[in-house]
C-alpha atoms as a PDB file:
ATOM      1  CA  MET A   1       2.797 -21.389 -17.828  1.00  0.00           C
ATOM      2  CA  SER A   2       2.367 -24.515 -18.327  1.00  0.00           C
ATOM      3  CA  ALA A   3       4.049 -24.987 -21.703  1.00  0.00           C
ATOM      4  CA  MET A   4       6.780 -22.666 -20.138  1.00  0.00           C
ATOM      5  CA  MET A   5       7.470 -25.827 -18.038  1.00  0.00           C
ATOM      6  CA  SER A   6       6.677 -28.829 -20.175  1.00  0.00           C
ATOM      7  CA  PRO A   7       9.407 -29.811 -21.682  1.00  0.00           C
ATOM      8  CA  LEU A   8       7.798 -31.338 -24.762  1.00  0.00           C
ATOM      9  CA  PHE A   9       7.050 -27.326 -25.666  1.00  0.00           C
ATOM     10  CA  LYS A  10       8.998 -24.369 -26.338  1.00  0.00           C
ATOM     11  CA  VAL A  11       7.661 -20.935 -25.772  1.00  0.00           C
ATOM     12  CA  ALA A  12       8.990 -17.587 -25.144  1.00  0.00           C
ATOM     13  CA  GLN A  13       9.465 -16.786 -21.361  1.00  0.00           C
ATOM     14  CA  TYR A  14       6.927 -14.451 -19.842  1.00  0.00           C
ATOM     15  CA  GLY A  15       5.406 -13.376 -16.830  1.00  0.00           C
ATOM     16  CA  VAL A  16       2.023 -12.540 -15.194  1.00  0.00           C
ATOM     17  CA  GLU A  17       1.339  -9.797 -12.971  1.00  0.00           C
ATOM     18  CA  GLU A  18      -2.236  -9.016 -11.502  1.00  0.00           C
ATOM     19  CA  TYR A  19      -3.174  -5.721 -10.223  1.00  0.00           C
ATOM     20  CA  ASN A  20      -6.110  -4.239  -8.205  1.00  0.00           C
ATOM     21  CA  ASN A  21      -8.173  -2.067 -10.581  1.00  0.00           C
ATOM     22  CA  TYR A  22      -9.768  -0.082  -7.848  1.00  0.00           C
ATOM     23  CA  PRO A  23      -7.932   1.772  -4.906  1.00  0.00           C
ATOM     24  CA  ILE A  24      -8.465   0.229  -1.694  1.00  0.00           C
ATOM     25  CA  ARG A  25      -8.520   2.316   1.536  1.00  0.00           C
ATOM     26  CA  ALA A  26      -8.570   1.357   5.392  1.00  0.00           C
ATOM     27  CA  SER A  27      -9.941   3.305   8.056  1.00  0.00           C
ATOM     28  CA  TRP A  28     -10.461   2.802  11.912  1.00  0.00           C
ATOM     29  CA  HIS A  29     -12.216   4.806  14.473  1.00  0.00           C
ATOM     30  CA  PHE A  30     -10.777   4.957  18.255  1.00  0.00           C
ATOM     31  CA  THR A  31     -13.366   5.254  21.101  1.00  0.00           C
ATOM     32  CA  GLN A  32     -11.912   5.440  24.631  1.00  0.00           C
ATOM     33  CA  GLN A  33     -13.817   6.104  27.571  1.00  0.00           C
ATOM     34  CA  MET A  34     -12.624   9.490  29.470  1.00  0.00           C
ATOM     35  CA  GLU A  35     -13.754  10.163  32.996  1.00  0.00           C
ATOM     36  CA  ILE A  36     -17.198  12.918  31.665  1.00  0.00           C
ATOM     37  CA  GLU A  37     -17.224  12.299  27.956  1.00  0.00           C
ATOM     38  CA  ASN A  38     -16.250  10.113  24.799  1.00  0.00           C
ATOM     39  CA  ASP A  39     -13.120  10.966  23.156  1.00  0.00           C
ATOM     40  CA  THR A  40     -13.412   9.917  19.414  1.00  0.00           C
ATOM     41  CA  GLU A  41     -10.979   9.804  17.101  1.00  0.00           C
ATOM     42  CA  LYS A  42     -11.301   8.650  12.938  1.00  0.00           C
ATOM     43  CA  ASN A  43      -8.500   8.136  10.751  1.00  0.00           C
ATOM     44  CA  ASN A  44      -7.765   6.350   7.396  1.00  0.00           C
ATOM     45  CA  GLY A  45      -5.308   5.511   4.829  1.00  0.00           C
ATOM     46  CA  LEU A  46      -4.930   4.631   1.294  1.00  0.00           C
ATOM     47  CA  LEU A  47      -3.790   1.046   1.637  1.00  0.00           C
ATOM     48  CA  PHE A  48      -3.579  -0.148  -1.732  1.00  0.00           C
ATOM     49  CA  PRO A  49      -3.066   2.570  -4.851  1.00  0.00           C
ATOM     50  CA  LYS A  50      -4.618   1.877  -8.226  1.00  0.00           C
ATOM     51  CA  GLY A  51      -2.435  -0.719 -10.145  1.00  0.00           C
ATOM     52  CA  CYS A  52      -1.023  -2.151  -7.083  1.00  0.00           C
ATOM     53  CA  ASN A  53       0.680  -5.587  -7.507  1.00  0.00           C
ATOM     54  CA  PHE A  54      -1.248  -8.256  -5.595  1.00  0.00           C
ATOM     55  CA  GLY A  55       0.842 -10.331  -3.499  1.00  0.00           C
ATOM     56  CA  SER A  56       1.671  -6.794  -1.638  1.00  0.00           C
ATOM     57  CA  ILE A  57       1.976  -6.929   2.350  1.00  0.00           C
ATOM     58  CA  LYS A  58       0.715  -4.114   3.890  1.00  0.00           C
ATOM     59  CA  SER A  59       0.715  -3.825   7.876  1.00  0.00           C
ATOM     60  CA  ILE A  60      -0.651  -1.605  10.456  1.00  0.00           C
ATOM     61  CA  SER A  61       0.231  -1.201  13.904  1.00  0.00           C
ATOM     62  CA  PHE A  62      -1.888   1.145  16.812  1.00  0.00           C
ATOM     63  CA  THR A  63      -0.740   1.776  19.593  1.00  0.00           C
ATOM     64  CA  LYS A  64      -3.738   3.093  21.256  1.00  0.00           C
ATOM     65  CA  PRO A  65      -5.460   0.841  23.703  1.00  0.00           C
ATOM     66  CA  GLY A  66      -9.472   0.314  23.819  1.00  0.00           C
ATOM     67  CA  PRO A  67     -11.583  -0.766  21.523  1.00  0.00           C
ATOM     68  CA  PHE A  68     -11.943   0.611  18.181  1.00  0.00           C
ATOM     69  CA  GLU A  69     -13.401  -0.493  14.589  1.00  0.00           C
ATOM     70  CA  LEU A  70     -11.299  -1.374  11.693  1.00  0.00           C
ATOM     71  CA  LYS A  71     -13.211  -1.483   7.918  1.00  0.00           C
ATOM     72  CA  PHE A  72     -11.222  -1.883   3.949  1.00  0.00           C
ATOM     73  CA  ALA A  73     -13.490  -0.395   1.548  1.00  0.00           C
ATOM     74  CA  TYR A  74     -13.055   0.462  -1.950  1.00  0.00           C
ATOM     75  CA  ASP A  75     -11.814   4.219  -2.164  1.00  0.00           C
ATOM     76  CA  GLU A  76     -13.743   5.198  -5.463  1.00  0.00           C
ATOM     77  CA  ASP A  77     -17.991   4.565  -5.958  1.00  0.00           C
ATOM     78  CA  LEU A  78     -18.977   1.553  -7.859  1.00  0.00           C
ATOM     79  CA  PRO A  79     -22.320   1.526  -9.355  1.00  0.00           C
ATOM     80  CA  GLY A  80     -23.632  -1.870  -8.451  1.00  0.00           C
ATOM     81  CA  PHE A  81     -21.347  -2.942  -5.671  1.00  0.00           C
ATOM     82  CA  ASN A  82     -21.029  -2.504  -1.750  1.00  0.00           C
ATOM     83  CA  PRO A  83     -17.691  -0.491  -1.630  1.00  0.00           C
ATOM     84  CA  ILE A  84     -16.763  -2.305   2.057  1.00  0.00           C
ATOM     85  CA  LEU A  85     -14.933  -5.206   1.350  1.00  0.00           C
ATOM     86  CA  ALA A  86     -14.341  -5.777   5.568  1.00  0.00           C
ATOM     87  CA  SER A  87     -15.512  -4.483   8.799  1.00  0.00           C
ATOM     88  CA  TYR A  88     -13.871  -5.455  12.171  1.00  0.00           C
ATOM     89  CA  ASP A  89     -14.640  -4.381  15.540  1.00  0.00           C
ATOM     90  CA  LEU A  90     -11.601  -5.204  18.195  1.00  0.00           C
ATOM     91  CA  LYS A  91     -11.719  -4.872  21.662  1.00  0.00           C
ATOM     92  CA  PRO A  92      -8.114  -5.480  24.091  1.00  0.00           C
ATOM     93  CA  SER A  93      -7.069  -8.219  25.146  1.00  0.00           C
ATOM     94  CA  ALA A  94      -7.345  -9.466  28.812  1.00  0.00           C
ATOM     95  CA  ILE A  95      -3.642 -10.621  28.510  1.00  0.00           C
ATOM     96  CA  THR A  96      -1.585  -7.945  29.781  1.00  0.00           C
ATOM     97  CA  GLU A  97       2.273  -7.882  30.311  1.00  0.00           C
ATOM     98  CA  LYS A  98       2.567  -9.660  33.573  1.00  0.00           C
ATOM     99  CA  ASP A  99       1.087 -12.628  32.242  1.00  0.00           C
ATOM    100  CA  PHE A 100       4.328 -13.226  30.300  1.00  0.00           C
ATOM    101  CA  LYS A 101       6.041 -12.986  33.101  1.00  0.00           C
END
């Protein structure tokens, strides 16, 4: 890449694209307090398929209130590697709509 940018060298133009070798899945688990019992909901989705270029931007929107756990993990078993990339416990914000008025 530096030879392509240098005026001292003449090389063929080329590009480099990186991609992930393993699919990455996002999973979330909502827990919402009901009057008598807990109602739990589990979901997951493939976020980055195998061969997806790096630099991709993905977004996940949640409309349900309440605390939930969000995990990112490899979708395949990789011997010698921990499959979980990141795990977050998220709680609802104390800020409400009336705070912005």
